[in-house]
Amino acid sequence: MYYCYILKCNDGKYYVGATKDLKKRLREHREGKIFSTKNRRALCLAYYEIFDKADNAYKLERSLKNGRTRKSTRERLIQNFSADKLRLFT
């Protein structure tokens, strides 16, 4: 399984990533081991989606990072995401 995920950082901005092991990747973010979020900790998982294939997870990651509608798309995904699903990774 592969995951595309969105983190809310302490500066109010979002970080979008993709990984094979979401629990491990979240731990690395929180420990400051990921350069992109190292100085923006107090990270909170806001959204994730599970995929069978890596290509699909990375395709969603790219679309959420690029494009004219990325901000509104991220916000819509986060708003409609179930808080119960987030508890699996907190």
N, C-alpha and C. Protein backbone atom coordinates (compact mmCIF):
# COMPACT_ATOMS: atom_id res chain seq x y z
N MET A 1 0.84 -1.17 0.00
CA MET A 1 0.00 0.00 0.00
C MET A 1 0.89 1.24 0.00
N TYR A 2 0.37 2.28 -0.63
CA TYR A 2 1.07 3.55 -0.73
C TYR A 2 0.12 4.66 -0.30
N TYR A 3 0.68 5.72 0.22
CA TYR A 3 -0.11 6.80 0.77
C TYR A 3 0.31 8.13 0.16
N CYS A 4 -0.66 8.97 -0.08
CA CYS A 4 -0.43 10.39 -0.34
C CYS A 4 -1.03 11.08 0.88
N TYR A 5 -0.30 12.06 1.43
CA TYR A 5 -0.74 12.67 2.68
C TYR A 5 -0.51 14.18 2.68
N ILE A 6 -1.26 14.85 3.55
CA ILE A 6 -1.12 16.29 3.74
C ILE A 6 -0.92 16.53 5.23
N LEU A 7 0.12 17.30 5.55
CA LEU A 7 0.39 17.70 6.93
C LEU A 7 0.12 19.18 7.08
N LYS A 8 -0.44 19.57 8.21
CA LYS A 8 -0.55 20.99 8.52
C LYS A 8 0.61 21.33 9.45
N CYS A 9 1.38 22.33 9.06
CA CYS A 9 2.57 22.72 9.82
C CYS A 9 2.25 23.84 10.79
N ASN A 10 3.16 24.07 11.73
CA ASN A 10 2.92 25.08 12.76
C ASN A 10 2.86 26.50 12.20
N ASP A 11 3.33 26.71 10.98
CA ASP A 11 3.25 28.04 10.35
C ASP A 11 1.95 28.23 9.57
N GLY A 12 1.05 27.25 9.65
CA GLY A 12 -0.24 27.33 8.98
C GLY A 12 -0.23 26.84 7.55
N LYS A 13 0.95 26.51 7.03
CA LYS A 13 1.05 26.02 5.67
C LYS A 13 0.91 24.51 5.65
N TYR A 14 0.77 23.97 4.46
CA TYR A 14 0.61 22.54 4.29
C TYR A 14 1.81 21.93 3.58
N TYR A 15 2.09 20.70 3.95
CA TYR A 15 3.13 19.92 3.28
C TYR A 15 2.44 18.70 2.67
N VAL A 16 2.73 18.41 1.41
CA VAL A 16 2.15 17.26 0.72
C VAL A 16 3.27 16.28 0.42
N GLY A 17 3.02 15.00 0.70
CA GLY A 17 4.02 13.97 0.43
C GLY A 17 3.36 12.65 0.07
N ALA A 18 4.21 11.70 -0.29
CA ALA A 18 3.75 10.34 -0.59
C ALA A 18 4.78 9.37 -0.05
N THR A 19 4.32 8.20 0.38
CA THR A 19 5.21 7.24 1.00
C THR A 19 4.59 5.85 0.99
N LYS A 20 5.42 4.86 1.25
CA LYS A 20 4.94 3.49 1.38
C LYS A 20 4.54 3.19 2.82
N ASP A 21 5.21 3.82 3.78
CA ASP A 21 4.97 3.58 5.21
C ASP A 21 4.63 4.90 5.90
N LEU A 22 3.35 5.19 6.04
CA LEU A 22 2.91 6.48 6.57
C LEU A 22 3.30 6.66 8.04
N LYS A 23 3.17 5.65 8.86
CA LYS A 23 3.53 5.80 10.27
C LYS A 23 5.01 6.15 10.43
N LYS A 24 5.86 5.46 9.69
CA LYS A 24 7.29 5.74 9.75
C LYS A 24 7.59 7.15 9.26
N ARG A 25 6.97 7.54 8.16
CA ARG A 25 7.21 8.86 7.58
C ARG A 25 6.75 9.97 8.51
N LEU A 26 5.62 9.80 9.17
CA LEU A 26 5.15 10.79 10.14
C LEU A 26 6.13 10.92 11.30
N ARG A 27 6.64 9.80 11.76
CA ARG A 27 7.63 9.82 12.84
C ARG A 27 8.88 10.60 12.40
N GLU A 28 9.33 10.37 11.18
CA GLU A 28 10.50 11.07 10.66
C GLU A 28 10.24 12.58 10.57
N HIS A 29 9.05 12.96 10.14
CA HIS A 29 8.69 14.39 10.09
C HIS A 29 8.73 14.98 11.50
N ARG A 30 8.12 14.31 12.44
CA ARG A 30 8.02 14.84 13.80
C ARG A 30 9.37 14.90 14.52
N GLU A 31 10.28 14.04 14.13
CA GLU A 31 11.63 14.02 14.73
C GLU A 31 12.58 14.99 14.04
N GLY A 32 12.10 15.69 13.02
CA GLY A 32 12.93 16.66 12.32
C GLY A 32 13.90 16.05 11.34
N LYS A 33 13.66 14.84 10.91
CA LYS A 33 14.56 14.15 9.98
C LYS A 33 14.28 14.47 8.51
N ILE A 34 13.17 15.14 8.24
CA ILE A 34 12.81 15.49 6.87
C ILE A 34 13.13 16.97 6.66
N PHE A 35 14.01 17.25 5.72
CA PHE A 35 14.50 18.61 5.50
C PHE A 35 13.36 19.59 5.27
N SER A 36 12.38 19.22 4.48
CA SER A 36 11.30 20.13 4.09
C SER A 36 10.44 20.61 5.25
N THR A 37 10.34 19.82 6.30
CA THR A 37 9.49 20.19 7.44
C THR A 37 10.29 20.35 8.73
N LYS A 38 11.58 20.26 8.65
CA LYS A 38 12.44 20.30 9.82
C LYS A 38 12.21 21.54 10.69
N ASN A 39 12.03 22.70 10.07
CA ASN A 39 11.85 23.94 10.82
C ASN A 39 10.38 24.35 10.94
N ARG A 40 9.49 23.47 10.57
CA ARG A 40 8.05 23.79 10.61
C ARG A 40 7.30 22.74 11.42
N ARG A 41 7.93 22.25 12.47
CA ARG A 41 7.32 21.15 13.22
C ARG A 41 6.09 21.57 14.00
N ALA A 42 5.61 20.67 14.83
CA ALA A 42 4.28 20.70 15.42
C ALA A 42 3.34 20.34 14.29
N LEU A 43 3.67 19.26 13.62
CA LEU A 43 2.96 18.81 12.44
C LEU A 43 1.73 18.00 12.82
N CYS A 44 0.70 18.17 12.04
CA CYS A 44 -0.55 17.46 12.28
C CYS A 44 -1.02 16.84 10.96
N LEU A 45 -1.29 15.55 10.97
CA LEU A 45 -1.81 14.89 9.79
C LEU A 45 -3.21 15.42 9.52
N ALA A 46 -3.44 15.92 8.31
CA ALA A 46 -4.73 16.51 7.97
C ALA A 46 -5.51 15.66 6.98
N TYR A 47 -4.80 14.84 6.19
CA TYR A 47 -5.45 14.06 5.14
C TYR A 47 -4.50 12.98 4.66
N TYR A 48 -5.06 11.84 4.27
CA TYR A 48 -4.28 10.83 3.56
C TYR A 48 -5.21 10.01 2.68
N GLU A 49 -4.62 9.42 1.67
CA GLU A 49 -5.37 8.54 0.78
C GLU A 49 -4.49 7.33 0.51
N ILE A 50 -5.11 6.16 0.46
CA ILE A 50 -4.39 4.90 0.27
C ILE A 50 -4.53 4.45 -1.18
N PHE A 51 -3.41 3.96 -1.72
CA PHE A 51 -3.38 3.46 -3.10
C PHE A 51 -2.72 2.10 -3.15
N ASP A 52 -3.11 1.29 -4.13
CA ASP A 52 -2.47 0.00 -4.36
C ASP A 52 -1.14 0.15 -5.09
N LYS A 53 -1.05 1.17 -5.91
CA LYS A 53 0.15 1.36 -6.73
C LYS A 53 0.84 2.67 -6.38
N ALA A 54 2.17 2.64 -6.36
CA ALA A 54 2.96 3.83 -6.05
C ALA A 54 2.68 4.95 -7.05
N ASP A 55 2.55 4.59 -8.32
CA ASP A 55 2.32 5.61 -9.35
C ASP A 55 1.12 6.49 -9.04
N ASN A 56 0.06 5.89 -8.54
CA ASN A 56 -1.15 6.65 -8.24
C ASN A 56 -0.95 7.61 -7.07
N ALA A 57 -0.23 7.16 -6.04
CA ALA A 57 0.04 8.01 -4.88
C ALA A 57 0.91 9.20 -5.29
N TYR A 58 1.93 8.94 -6.08
CA TYR A 58 2.82 10.02 -6.50
C TYR A 58 2.16 10.95 -7.51
N LYS A 59 1.23 10.44 -8.28
CA LYS A 59 0.48 11.28 -9.22
C LYS A 59 -0.39 12.27 -8.44
N LEU A 60 -1.07 11.80 -7.39
CA LEU A 60 -1.88 12.71 -6.57
C LEU A 60 -0.98 13.72 -5.87
N GLU A 61 0.16 13.27 -5.35
CA GLU A 61 1.10 14.19 -4.70
C GLU A 61 1.49 15.32 -5.66
N ARG A 62 1.86 14.98 -6.87
CA ARG A 62 2.24 16.00 -7.86
C ARG A 62 1.09 16.95 -8.15
N SER A 63 -0.10 16.42 -8.28
CA SER A 63 -1.24 17.30 -8.59
C SER A 63 -1.58 18.23 -7.44
N LEU A 64 -1.34 17.80 -6.19
CA LEU A 64 -1.61 18.65 -5.04
C LEU A 64 -0.51 19.69 -4.82
N LYS A 65 0.65 19.45 -5.38
CA LYS A 65 1.76 20.40 -5.26
C LYS A 65 1.79 21.39 -6.40
N ASN A 66 1.22 21.05 -7.52
CA ASN A 66 1.29 21.88 -8.72
C ASN A 66 -0.10 22.22 -9.22
N GLY A 67 -0.18 23.21 -10.04
CA GLY A 67 -1.45 23.53 -10.67
C GLY A 67 -2.16 24.70 -10.04
N ARG A 68 -3.08 25.22 -10.78
CA ARG A 68 -3.81 26.42 -10.35
C ARG A 68 -4.80 26.15 -9.23
N THR A 69 -5.33 24.97 -9.16
CA THR A 69 -6.39 24.68 -8.18
C THR A 69 -5.87 23.92 -6.96
N ARG A 70 -4.56 23.83 -6.78
CA ARG A 70 -4.03 22.99 -5.71
C ARG A 70 -4.49 23.41 -4.32
N LYS A 71 -4.54 24.72 -4.05
CA LYS A 71 -4.95 25.18 -2.72
C LYS A 71 -6.40 24.82 -2.43
N SER A 72 -7.29 25.10 -3.36
CA SER A 72 -8.71 24.80 -3.14
C SER A 72 -8.94 23.30 -3.07
N THR A 73 -8.20 22.54 -3.86
CA THR A 73 -8.34 21.07 -3.83
C THR A 73 -7.88 20.53 -2.49
N ARG A 74 -6.72 20.99 -2.00
CA ARG A 74 -6.23 20.54 -0.68
C ARG A 74 -7.24 20.87 0.40
N GLU A 75 -7.74 22.09 0.40
CA GLU A 75 -8.70 22.50 1.43
C GLU A 75 -9.97 21.67 1.38
N ARG A 76 -10.45 21.36 0.18
CA ARG A 76 -11.67 20.54 0.03
C ARG A 76 -11.42 19.13 0.55
N LEU A 77 -10.28 18.54 0.22
CA LEU A 77 -9.95 17.20 0.69
C LEU A 77 -9.89 17.15 2.21
N ILE A 78 -9.25 18.15 2.80
CA ILE A 78 -9.11 18.19 4.26
C ILE A 78 -10.46 18.38 4.94
N GLN A 79 -11.27 19.28 4.43
CA GLN A 79 -12.59 19.53 5.01
C GLN A 79 -13.48 18.30 5.00
N ASN A 80 -13.41 17.53 3.93
CA ASN A 80 -14.29 16.37 3.77
C ASN A 80 -13.72 15.09 4.33
N PHE A 81 -12.53 15.16 4.93
CA PHE A 81 -11.89 13.96 5.44
C PHE A 81 -12.37 13.64 6.85
N SER A 82 -12.62 12.38 7.09
CA SER A 82 -13.14 11.93 8.38
C SER A 82 -12.07 11.98 9.48
N ALA A 83 -12.40 12.62 10.58
CA ALA A 83 -11.48 12.69 11.71
C ALA A 83 -11.20 11.30 12.29
N ASP A 84 -12.14 10.39 12.15
CA ASP A 84 -11.93 9.02 12.65
C ASP A 84 -10.76 8.35 11.94
N LYS A 85 -10.59 8.60 10.66
CA LYS A 85 -9.49 8.01 9.91
C LYS A 85 -8.15 8.55 10.37
N LEU A 86 -8.11 9.80 10.81
CA LEU A 86 -6.87 10.40 11.28
C LEU A 86 -6.37 9.75 12.57
N ARG A 87 -7.29 9.26 13.37
CA ARG A 87 -6.92 8.64 14.65
C ARG A 87 -6.04 7.40 14.48
N LEU A 88 -6.10 6.78 13.32
CA LEU A 88 -5.25 5.61 13.07
C LEU A 88 -3.78 5.95 13.07
N PHE A 89 -3.45 7.22 12.83
CA PHE A 89 -2.05 7.61 12.68
C PHE A 89 -1.62 8.66 13.70
N THR A 90 -2.38 8.85 14.77
CA THR A 90 -1.98 9.82 15.78
C THR A 90 -1.52 9.16 17.04
